[in-house]
Amino acid sequence: GDRYLLKLYRDYVFHQCADDETPVVDFGGIVQSLNKLDVGTNEKITLMSRDEQTILIVTYADLKACAERSFGELLQDGNYTQQRGMNAGYIEHTQFT
């Protein structure tokens, strides 16, 4: 589902490798990709599983929708309400001695 696509996208952005399988960190590419995700462009990218058995072609708009749905599910599961704030469901117990 949605979270699997986001996992593949995370690997696409943060686990790039050169032809000789050495890790590559391209901060410009990372920022550019995250900006496209934020905007939700219709540009297509190819996502591949680590075992190279699954290949998916998706748009940044698809990924943005997945991220928004997944975040919404997390908010529902956490009983978050915008009026009460993010930490309203948690009570800290502090003892002073």
PDB file of N, CA and C in Angstrom:
ATOM      1  N   GLY A   1       0.787  -1.184   0.000  1.00  0.00           N
ATOM      2  CA  GLY A   1       0.000   0.000   0.000  1.00  0.00           C
ATOM      3  C   GLY A   1       0.838   1.260   0.000  1.00  0.00           C
ATOM      4  N   ASP A   2       0.258   2.265   0.596  1.00  0.00           N
ATOM      5  CA  ASP A   2       0.865   3.594   0.622  1.00  0.00           C
ATOM      6  C   ASP A   2       2.236   3.598   1.290  1.00  0.00           C
ATOM      7  N   ARG A   3       2.335   2.926   2.405  1.00  0.00           N
ATOM      8  CA  ARG A   3       3.597   2.970   3.154  1.00  0.00           C
ATOM      9  C   ARG A   3       4.715   2.218   2.434  1.00  0.00           C
ATOM     10  N   TYR A   4       4.349   1.202   1.672  1.00  0.00           N
ATOM     11  CA  TYR A   4       5.365   0.494   0.889  1.00  0.00           C
ATOM     12  C   TYR A   4       5.940   1.421  -0.180  1.00  0.00           C
ATOM     13  N   LEU A   5       5.075   2.175  -0.859  1.00  0.00           N
ATOM     14  CA  LEU A   5       5.554   3.141  -1.857  1.00  0.00           C
ATOM     15  C   LEU A   5       6.470   4.171  -1.213  1.00  0.00           C
ATOM     16  N   LEU A   6       6.104   4.636  -0.024  1.00  0.00           N
ATOM     17  CA  LEU A   6       6.926   5.628   0.669  1.00  0.00           C
ATOM     18  C   LEU A   6       8.270   5.030   1.081  1.00  0.00           C
ATOM     19  N   LYS A   7       8.276   3.763   1.444  1.00  0.00           N
ATOM     20  CA  LYS A   7       9.540   3.079   1.777  1.00  0.00           C
ATOM     21  C   LYS A   7      10.436   3.015   0.541  1.00  0.00           C
ATOM     22  N   LEU A   8       9.851   2.657  -0.601  1.00  0.00           N
ATOM     23  CA  LEU A   8      10.627   2.619  -1.840  1.00  0.00           C
ATOM     24  C   LEU A   8      11.142   4.004  -2.209  1.00  0.00           C
ATOM     25  N   TYR A   9      10.314   5.028  -1.978  1.00  0.00           N
ATOM     26  CA  TYR A   9      10.741   6.405  -2.268  1.00  0.00           C
ATOM     27  C   TYR A   9      11.900   6.804  -1.354  1.00  0.00           C
ATOM     28  N   ARG A  10      11.823   6.450  -0.084  1.00  0.00           N
ATOM     29  CA  ARG A  10      12.912   6.738   0.850  1.00  0.00           C
ATOM     30  C   ARG A  10      14.211   6.114   0.345  1.00  0.00           C
ATOM     31  N   ASP A  11      14.129   4.869  -0.096  1.00  0.00           N
ATOM     32  CA  ASP A  11      15.317   4.210  -0.634  1.00  0.00           C
ATOM     33  C   ASP A  11      15.813   4.927  -1.891  1.00  0.00           C
ATOM     34  N   TYR A  12      14.892   5.366  -2.738  1.00  0.00           N
ATOM     35  CA  TYR A  12      15.237   6.082  -3.971  1.00  0.00           C
ATOM     36  C   TYR A  12      16.003   7.359  -3.646  1.00  0.00           C
ATOM     37  N   VAL A  13      15.570   8.078  -2.626  1.00  0.00           N
ATOM     38  CA  VAL A  13      16.174   9.366  -2.301  1.00  0.00           C
ATOM     39  C   VAL A  13      17.462   9.203  -1.498  1.00  0.00           C
ATOM     40  N   PHE A  14      17.442   8.363  -0.476  1.00  0.00           N
ATOM     41  CA  PHE A  14      18.533   8.341   0.490  1.00  0.00           C
ATOM     42  C   PHE A  14      19.492   7.164   0.357  1.00  0.00           C
ATOM     43  N   HIS A  15      19.242   6.232  -0.539  1.00  0.00           N
ATOM     44  CA  HIS A  15      20.106   5.059  -0.673  1.00  0.00           C
ATOM     45  C   HIS A  15      20.604   4.899  -2.106  1.00  0.00           C
ATOM     46  N   GLN A  16      21.047   5.998  -2.690  1.00  0.00           N
ATOM     47  CA  GLN A  16      21.581   5.951  -4.048  1.00  0.00           C
ATOM     48  C   GLN A  16      22.953   5.278  -4.037  1.00  0.00           C
ATOM     49  N   CYS A  17      23.252   4.550  -5.105  1.00  0.00           N
ATOM     50  CA  CYS A  17      24.546   3.891  -5.254  1.00  0.00           C
ATOM     51  C   CYS A  17      25.116   4.181  -6.637  1.00  0.00           C
ATOM     52  N   ALA A  18      26.441   4.243  -6.695  1.00  0.00           N
ATOM     53  CA  ALA A  18      27.130   4.403  -7.973  1.00  0.00           C
ATOM     54  C   ALA A  18      27.129   3.063  -8.705  1.00  0.00           C
ATOM     55  N   ASP A  19      27.651   3.056  -9.912  1.00  0.00           N
ATOM     56  CA  ASP A  19      27.700   1.830 -10.713  1.00  0.00           C
ATOM     57  C   ASP A  19      28.488   0.719 -10.028  1.00  0.00           C
ATOM     58  N   ASP A  20      29.489   1.090  -9.234  1.00  0.00           N
ATOM     59  CA  ASP A  20      30.290   0.084  -8.531  1.00  0.00           C
ATOM     60  C   ASP A  20      29.730  -0.259  -7.147  1.00  0.00           C
ATOM     61  N   GLU A  21      28.461   0.114  -6.912  1.00  0.00           N
ATOM     62  CA  GLU A  21      27.730  -0.206  -5.674  1.00  0.00           C
ATOM     63  C   GLU A  21      28.206   0.560  -4.442  1.00  0.00           C
ATOM     64  N   THR A  22      29.024   1.589  -4.613  1.00  0.00           N
ATOM     65  CA  THR A  22      29.411   2.407  -3.468  1.00  0.00           C
ATOM     66  C   THR A  22      28.318   3.445  -3.216  1.00  0.00           C
ATOM     67  N   PRO A  23      28.033   3.746  -1.944  1.00  0.00           N
ATOM     68  CA  PRO A  23      26.987   4.722  -1.625  1.00  0.00           C
ATOM     69  C   PRO A  23      27.330   6.121  -2.154  1.00  0.00           C
ATOM     70  N   VAL A  24      26.302   6.823  -2.602  1.00  0.00           N
ATOM     71  CA  VAL A  24      26.452   8.175  -3.115  1.00  0.00           C
ATOM     72  C   VAL A  24      25.494   9.081  -2.362  1.00  0.00           C
ATOM     73  N   VAL A  25      25.999  10.218  -1.889  1.00  0.00           N
ATOM     74  CA  VAL A  25      25.142  11.210  -1.241  1.00  0.00           C
ATOM     75  C   VAL A  25      25.155  12.459  -2.106  1.00  0.00           C
ATOM     76  N   ASP A  26      24.024  12.757  -2.711  1.00  0.00           N
ATOM     77  CA  ASP A  26      23.873  13.921  -3.579  1.00  0.00           C
ATOM     78  C   ASP A  26      22.830  14.833  -2.945  1.00  0.00           C
ATOM     79  N   PHE A  27      23.297  15.800  -2.136  1.00  0.00           N
ATOM     80  CA  PHE A  27      22.367  16.657  -1.411  1.00  0.00           C
ATOM     81  C   PHE A  27      21.485  17.469  -2.349  1.00  0.00           C
ATOM     82  N   GLY A  28      22.028  17.882  -3.485  1.00  0.00           N
ATOM     83  CA  GLY A  28      21.221  18.615  -4.463  1.00  0.00           C
ATOM     84  C   GLY A  28      20.082  17.759  -4.990  1.00  0.00           C
ATOM     85  N   GLY A  29      20.387  16.490  -5.275  1.00  0.00           N
ATOM     86  CA  GLY A  29      19.357  15.567  -5.750  1.00  0.00           C
ATOM     87  C   GLY A  29      18.310  15.281  -4.693  1.00  0.00           C
ATOM     88  N   ILE A  30      18.752  15.173  -3.440  1.00  0.00           N
ATOM     89  CA  ILE A  30      17.815  14.931  -2.342  1.00  0.00           C
ATOM     90  C   ILE A  30      16.847  16.091  -2.202  1.00  0.00           C
ATOM     91  N   VAL A  31      17.383  17.311  -2.173  1.00  0.00           N
ATOM     92  CA  VAL A  31      16.531  18.499  -2.026  1.00  0.00           C
ATOM     93  C   VAL A  31      15.597  18.638  -3.215  1.00  0.00           C
ATOM     94  N   GLN A  32      16.106  18.411  -4.411  1.00  0.00           N
ATOM     95  CA  GLN A  32      15.279  18.521  -5.610  1.00  0.00           C
ATOM     96  C   GLN A  32      14.133  17.508  -5.573  1.00  0.00           C
ATOM     97  N   SER A  33      14.425  16.291  -5.187  1.00  0.00           N
ATOM     98  CA  SER A  33      13.389  15.262  -5.130  1.00  0.00           C
ATOM     99  C   SER A  33      12.341  15.587  -4.069  1.00  0.00           C
ATOM    100  N   LEU A  34      12.787  16.032  -2.889  1.00  0.00           N
ATOM    101  CA  LEU A  34      11.836  16.383  -1.831  1.00  0.00           C
ATOM    102  C   LEU A  34      10.981  17.585  -2.221  1.00  0.00           C
ATOM    103  N   ASN A  35      11.558  18.529  -2.957  1.00  0.00           N
ATOM    104  CA  ASN A  35      10.771  19.668  -3.438  1.00  0.00           C
ATOM    105  C   ASN A  35       9.691  19.215  -4.422  1.00  0.00           C
ATOM    106  N   LYS A  36      10.029  18.292  -5.306  1.00  0.00           N
ATOM    107  CA  LYS A  36       9.047  17.767  -6.261  1.00  0.00           C
ATOM    108  C   LYS A  36       7.938  17.019  -5.533  1.00  0.00           C
ATOM    109  N   LEU A  37       8.303  16.304  -4.461  1.00  0.00           N
ATOM    110  CA  LEU A  37       7.303  15.613  -3.652  1.00  0.00           C
ATOM    111  C   LEU A  37       6.387  16.628  -2.970  1.00  0.00           C
ATOM    112  N   ASP A  38       6.970  17.679  -2.418  1.00  0.00           N
ATOM    113  CA  ASP A  38       6.194  18.705  -1.726  1.00  0.00           C
ATOM    114  C   ASP A  38       5.187  19.369  -2.666  1.00  0.00           C
ATOM    115  N   VAL A  39       5.614  19.645  -3.884  1.00  0.00           N
ATOM    116  CA  VAL A  39       4.724  20.269  -4.872  1.00  0.00           C
ATOM    117  C   VAL A  39       3.737  19.258  -5.432  1.00  0.00           C
ATOM    118  N   GLY A  40       4.175  18.006  -5.565  1.00  0.00           N
ATOM    119  CA  GLY A  40       3.320  16.972  -6.131  1.00  0.00           C
ATOM    120  C   GLY A  40       3.279  17.029  -7.643  1.00  0.00           C
ATOM    121  N   THR A  41       4.453  17.137  -8.261  1.00  0.00           N
ATOM    122  CA  THR A  41       4.508  17.247  -9.723  1.00  0.00           C
ATOM    123  C   THR A  41       4.050  15.937 -10.383  1.00  0.00           C
ATOM    124  N   ASN A  42       3.759  16.033 -11.660  1.00  0.00           N
ATOM    125  CA  ASN A  42       3.345  14.855 -12.426  1.00  0.00           C
ATOM    126  C   ASN A  42       4.526  14.130 -13.059  1.00  0.00           C
ATOM    127  N   GLU A  43       5.733  14.511 -12.687  1.00  0.00           N
ATOM    128  CA  GLU A  43       6.926  13.835 -13.191  1.00  0.00           C
ATOM    129  C   GLU A  43       6.958  12.400 -12.669  1.00  0.00           C
ATOM    130  N   LYS A  44       7.289  11.477 -13.547  1.00  0.00           N
ATOM    131  CA  LYS A  44       7.321  10.064 -13.172  1.00  0.00           C
ATOM    132  C   LYS A  44       8.726   9.666 -12.742  1.00  0.00           C
ATOM    133  N   ILE A  45       8.787   8.783 -11.732  1.00  0.00           N
ATOM    134  CA  ILE A  45      10.054   8.214 -11.303  1.00  0.00           C
ATOM    135  C   ILE A  45       9.893   6.698 -11.200  1.00  0.00           C
ATOM    136  N   THR A  46      11.000   6.012 -11.270  1.00  0.00           N
ATOM    137  CA  THR A  46      10.996   4.555 -11.166  1.00  0.00           C
ATOM    138  C   THR A  46      11.507   4.154  -9.789  1.00  0.00           C
ATOM    139  N   LEU A  47      10.689   3.426  -9.067  1.00  0.00           N
ATOM    140  CA  LEU A  47      11.057   2.931  -7.745  1.00  0.00           C
ATOM    141  C   LEU A  47      11.301   1.434  -7.839  1.00  0.00           C
ATOM    142  N   MET A  48      12.369   0.982  -7.183  1.00  0.00           N
ATOM    143  CA  MET A  48      12.712  -0.425  -7.246  1.00  0.00           C
ATOM    144  C   MET A  48      12.975  -0.947  -5.835  1.00  0.00           C
ATOM    145  N   SER A  49      12.492  -2.151  -5.572  1.00  0.00           N
ATOM    146  CA  SER A  49      12.730  -2.765  -4.271  1.00  0.00           C
ATOM    147  C   SER A  49      14.209  -3.127  -4.144  1.00  0.00           C
ATOM    148  N   ARG A  50      14.660  -3.321  -2.909  1.00  0.00           N
ATOM    149  CA  ARG A  50      16.072  -3.627  -2.677  1.00  0.00           C
ATOM    150  C   ARG A  50      16.502  -4.935  -3.318  1.00  0.00           C
ATOM    151  N   ASP A  51      15.572  -5.891  -3.428  1.00  0.00           N
ATOM    152  CA  ASP A  51      15.915  -7.160  -4.066  1.00  0.00           C
ATOM    153  C   ASP A  51      15.733  -7.108  -5.584  1.00  0.00           C
ATOM    154  N   GLU A  52      15.353  -5.953  -6.091  1.00  0.00           N
ATOM    155  CA  GLU A  52      15.190  -5.690  -7.525  1.00  0.00           C
ATOM    156  C   GLU A  52      14.122  -6.566  -8.178  1.00  0.00           C
ATOM    157  N   GLN A  53      13.192  -7.096  -7.390  1.00  0.00           N
ATOM    158  CA  GLN A  53      12.119  -7.930  -7.911  1.00  0.00           C
ATOM    159  C   GLN A  53      10.856  -7.129  -8.216  1.00  0.00           C
ATOM    160  N   THR A  54      10.746  -5.937  -7.633  1.00  0.00           N
ATOM    161  CA  THR A  54       9.575  -5.089  -7.829  1.00  0.00           C
ATOM    162  C   THR A  54      10.011  -3.752  -8.380  1.00  0.00           C
ATOM    163  N   ILE A  55       9.415  -3.344  -9.498  1.00  0.00           N
ATOM    164  CA  ILE A  55       9.696  -2.043 -10.096  1.00  0.00           C
ATOM    165  C   ILE A  55       8.357  -1.355 -10.328  1.00  0.00           C
ATOM    166  N   LEU A  56       8.240  -0.132  -9.814  1.00  0.00           N
ATOM    167  CA  LEU A  56       7.008   0.646  -9.946  1.00  0.00           C
ATOM    168  C   LEU A  56       7.327   2.005 -10.552  1.00  0.00           C
ATOM    169  N   ILE A  57       6.450   2.466 -11.424  1.00  0.00           N
ATOM    170  CA  ILE A  57       6.568   3.811 -11.991  1.00  0.00           C
ATOM    171  C   ILE A  57       5.432   4.640 -11.411  1.00  0.00           C
ATOM    172  N   VAL A  58       5.793   5.682 -10.688  1.00  0.00           N
ATOM    173  CA  VAL A  58       4.805   6.532 -10.023  1.00  0.00           C
ATOM    174  C   VAL A  58       5.163   7.990 -10.244  1.00  0.00           C
ATOM    175  N   THR A  59       4.203   8.860 -10.005  1.00  0.00           N
ATOM    176  CA  THR A  59       4.463  10.301 -10.068  1.00  0.00           C
ATOM    177  C   THR A  59       4.681  10.825  -8.655  1.00  0.00           C
ATOM    178  N   TYR A  60       5.288  11.988  -8.583  1.00  0.00           N
ATOM    179  CA  TYR A  60       5.443  12.630  -7.280  1.00  0.00           C
ATOM    180  C   TYR A  60       4.076  12.961  -6.694  1.00  0.00           C
ATOM    181  N   ALA A  61       3.100  13.241  -7.556  1.00  0.00           N
ATOM    182  CA  ALA A  61       1.739  13.507  -7.077  1.00  0.00           C
ATOM    183  C   ALA A  61       1.161  12.266  -6.393  1.00  0.00           C
ATOM    184  N   ASP A  62       1.412  11.086  -6.966  1.00  0.00           N
ATOM    185  CA  ASP A  62       0.977   9.838  -6.335  1.00  0.00           C
ATOM    186  C   ASP A  62       1.620   9.671  -4.966  1.00  0.00           C
ATOM    187  N   LEU A  63       2.929   9.922  -4.901  1.00  0.00           N
ATOM    188  CA  LEU A  63       3.651   9.777  -3.636  1.00  0.00           C
ATOM    189  C   LEU A  63       3.176  10.782  -2.592  1.00  0.00           C
ATOM    190  N   LYS A  64       2.881  11.996  -3.041  1.00  0.00           N
ATOM    191  CA  LYS A  64       2.379  13.010  -2.110  1.00  0.00           C
ATOM    192  C   LYS A  64       1.039  12.566  -1.524  1.00  0.00           C
ATOM    193  N   ALA A  65       0.175  12.025  -2.366  1.00  0.00           N
ATOM    194  CA  ALA A  65      -1.120  11.537  -1.886  1.00  0.00           C
ATOM    195  C   ALA A  65      -0.918  10.389  -0.895  1.00  0.00           C
ATOM    196  N   CYS A  66       0.034   9.505  -1.165  1.00  0.00           N
ATOM    197  CA  CYS A  66       0.341   8.404  -0.232  1.00  0.00           C
ATOM    198  C   CYS A  66       0.816   8.953   1.108  1.00  0.00           C
ATOM    199  N   ALA A  67       1.683   9.942   1.062  1.00  0.00           N
ATOM    200  CA  ALA A  67       2.208  10.538   2.294  1.00  0.00           C
ATOM    201  C   ALA A  67       1.095  11.197   3.096  1.00  0.00           C
ATOM    202  N   GLU A  68       0.218  11.907   2.415  1.00  0.00           N
ATOM    203  CA  GLU A  68      -0.881  12.580   3.112  1.00  0.00           C
ATOM    204  C   GLU A  68      -1.847  11.579   3.727  1.00  0.00           C
ATOM    205  N   ARG A  69      -2.157  10.506   3.000  1.00  0.00           N
ATOM    206  CA  ARG A  69      -3.041   9.474   3.562  1.00  0.00           C
ATOM    207  C   ARG A  69      -2.393   8.791   4.765  1.00  0.00           C
ATOM    208  N   SER A  70      -1.127   8.443   4.634  1.00  0.00           N
ATOM    209  CA  SER A  70      -0.428   7.769   5.731  1.00  0.00           C
ATOM    210  C   SER A  70      -0.342   8.666   6.957  1.00  0.00           C
ATOM    211  N   PHE A  71      -0.057   9.934   6.751  1.00  0.00           N
ATOM    212  CA  PHE A  71       0.010  10.865   7.871  1.00  0.00           C
ATOM    213  C   PHE A  71      -1.361  11.009   8.523  1.00  0.00           C
ATOM    214  N   GLY A  72      -2.407  11.068   7.706  1.00  0.00           N
ATOM    215  CA  GLY A  72      -3.770  11.130   8.243  1.00  0.00           C
ATOM    216  C   GLY A  72      -4.110   9.915   9.083  1.00  0.00           C
ATOM    217  N   GLU A  73      -3.678   8.738   8.641  1.00  0.00           N
ATOM    218  CA  GLU A  73      -3.913   7.516   9.417  1.00  0.00           C
ATOM    219  C   GLU A  73      -3.181   7.567  10.754  1.00  0.00           C
ATOM    220  N   LEU A  74      -1.957   8.073  10.742  1.00  0.00           N
ATOM    221  CA  LEU A  74      -1.198   8.196  11.993  1.00  0.00           C
ATOM    222  C   LEU A  74      -1.881   9.156  12.956  1.00  0.00           C
ATOM    223  N   LEU A  75      -2.415  10.243  12.410  1.00  0.00           N
ATOM    224  CA  LEU A  75      -3.112  11.204  13.264  1.00  0.00           C
ATOM    225  C   LEU A  75      -4.369  10.583  13.864  1.00  0.00           C
ATOM    226  N   GLN A  76      -5.107   9.806  13.073  1.00  0.00           N
ATOM    227  CA  GLN A  76      -6.309   9.140  13.580  1.00  0.00           C
ATOM    228  C   GLN A  76      -5.957   8.128  14.661  1.00  0.00           C
ATOM    229  N   ASP A  77      -4.922   7.358  14.417  1.00  0.00           N
ATOM    230  CA  ASP A  77      -4.512   6.338  15.379  1.00  0.00           C
ATOM    231  C   ASP A  77      -4.038   6.952  16.688  1.00  0.00           C
ATOM    232  N   GLY A  78      -3.487   8.159  16.620  1.00  0.00           N
ATOM    233  CA  GLY A  78      -2.970   8.809  17.808  1.00  0.00           C
ATOM    234  C   GLY A  78      -3.983   9.692  18.503  1.00  0.00           C
ATOM    235  N   ASN A  79      -5.240   9.671  18.041  1.00  0.00           N
ATOM    236  CA  ASN A  79      -6.301  10.511  18.617  1.00  0.00           C
ATOM    237  C   ASN A  79      -5.904  11.977  18.664  1.00  0.00           C
ATOM    238  N   TYR A  80      -5.242  12.430  17.638  1.00  0.00           N
ATOM    239  CA  TYR A  80      -4.794  13.821  17.561  1.00  0.00           C
ATOM    240  C   TYR A  80      -5.977  14.717  17.232  1.00  0.00           C
ATOM    241  N   THR A  81      -6.091  15.813  17.941  1.00  0.00           N
ATOM    242  CA  THR A  81      -7.062  16.839  17.572  1.00  0.00           C
ATOM    243  C   THR A  81      -6.326  18.154  17.466  1.00  0.00           C
ATOM    244  N   GLN A  82      -6.629  18.908  16.459  1.00  0.00           N
ATOM    245  CA  GLN A  82      -5.910  20.150  16.198  1.00  0.00           C
ATOM    246  C   GLN A  82      -6.122  21.158  17.323  1.00  0.00           C
ATOM    247  N   GLN A  83      -7.276  21.162  17.938  1.00  0.00           N
ATOM    248  CA  GLN A  83      -7.554  22.120  18.996  1.00  0.00           C
ATOM    249  C   GLN A  83      -6.746  21.810  20.253  1.00  0.00           C
ATOM    250  N   ARG A  84      -6.560  20.539  20.555  1.00  0.00           N
ATOM    251  CA  ARG A  84      -5.880  20.154  21.784  1.00  0.00           C
ATOM    252  C   ARG A  84      -4.368  20.135  21.642  1.00  0.00           C
ATOM    253  N   GLY A  85      -3.868  19.989  20.444  1.00  0.00           N
ATOM    254  CA  GLY A  85      -2.428  19.974  20.244  1.00  0.00           C
ATOM    255  C   GLY A  85      -1.887  18.563  20.151  1.00  0.00           C
ATOM    256  N   MET A  86      -0.686  18.468  19.657  1.00  0.00           N
ATOM    257  CA  MET A  86      -0.096  17.179  19.367  1.00  0.00           C
ATOM    258  C   MET A  86       0.154  16.349  20.621  1.00  0.00           C
ATOM    259  N   ASN A  87       0.534  16.955  21.720  1.00  0.00           N
ATOM    260  CA  ASN A  87       0.890  16.201  22.920  1.00  0.00           C
ATOM    261  C   ASN A  87      -0.265  16.109  23.919  1.00  0.00           C
ATOM    262  N   ALA A  88      -1.470  16.452  23.506  1.00  0.00           N
ATOM    263  CA  ALA A  88      -2.599  16.480  24.433  1.00  0.00           C
ATOM    264  C   ALA A  88      -2.938  15.097  24.970  1.00  0.00           C
ATOM    265  N   GLY A  89      -2.672  14.053  24.197  1.00  0.00           N
ATOM    266  CA  GLY A  89      -3.013  12.714  24.634  1.00  0.00           C
ATOM    267  C   GLY A  89      -2.011  12.108  25.602  1.00  0.00           C
ATOM    268  N   TYR A  90      -0.922  12.792  25.819  1.00  0.00           N
ATOM    269  CA  TYR A  90       0.124  12.260  26.680  1.00  0.00           C
ATOM    270  C   TYR A  90       0.202  13.070  27.977  1.00  0.00           C
ATOM    271  N   ILE A  91       0.298  12.376  29.077  1.00  0.00           N
ATOM    272  CA  ILE A  91       0.428  13.029  30.378  1.00  0.00           C
ATOM    273  C   ILE A  91       1.785  12.651  30.943  1.00  0.00           C
ATOM    274  N   GLU A  92       2.554  13.649  31.249  1.00  0.00           N
ATOM    275  CA  GLU A  92       3.856  13.391  31.847  1.00  0.00           C
ATOM    276  C   GLU A  92       3.740  13.329  33.345  1.00  0.00           C
ATOM    277  N   HIS A  93       4.348  12.346  33.910  1.00  0.00           N
ATOM    278  CA  HIS A  93       4.369  12.202  35.380  1.00  0.00           C
ATOM    279  C   HIS A  93       5.769  12.524  35.858  1.00  0.00           C
ATOM    280  N   THR A  94       5.905  13.615  36.514  1.00  0.00           N
ATOM    281  CA  THR A  94       7.199  14.031  37.032  1.00  0.00           C
ATOM    282  C   THR A  94       7.117  14.119  38.533  1.00  0.00           C
ATOM    283  N   GLN A  95       8.051  13.515  39.196  1.00  0.00           N
ATOM    284  CA  GLN A  95       8.103  13.598  40.641  1.00  0.00           C
ATOM    285  C   GLN A  95       9.323  14.409  41.034  1.00  0.00           C
ATOM    286  N   PHE A  96       9.102  15.340  41.937  1.00  0.00           N
ATOM    287  CA  PHE A  96      10.212  16.126  42.444  1.00  0.00           C
ATOM    288  C   PHE A  96      10.513  15.654  43.861  1.00  0.00           C
ATOM    289  N   THR A  97      11.736  15.300  44.099  1.00  0.00           N
ATOM    290  CA  THR A  97      12.096  14.837  45.435  1.00  0.00           C
ATOM    291  C   THR A  97      13.122  15.735  46.071  1.00  0.00           C
TER     292      THR A  97
END
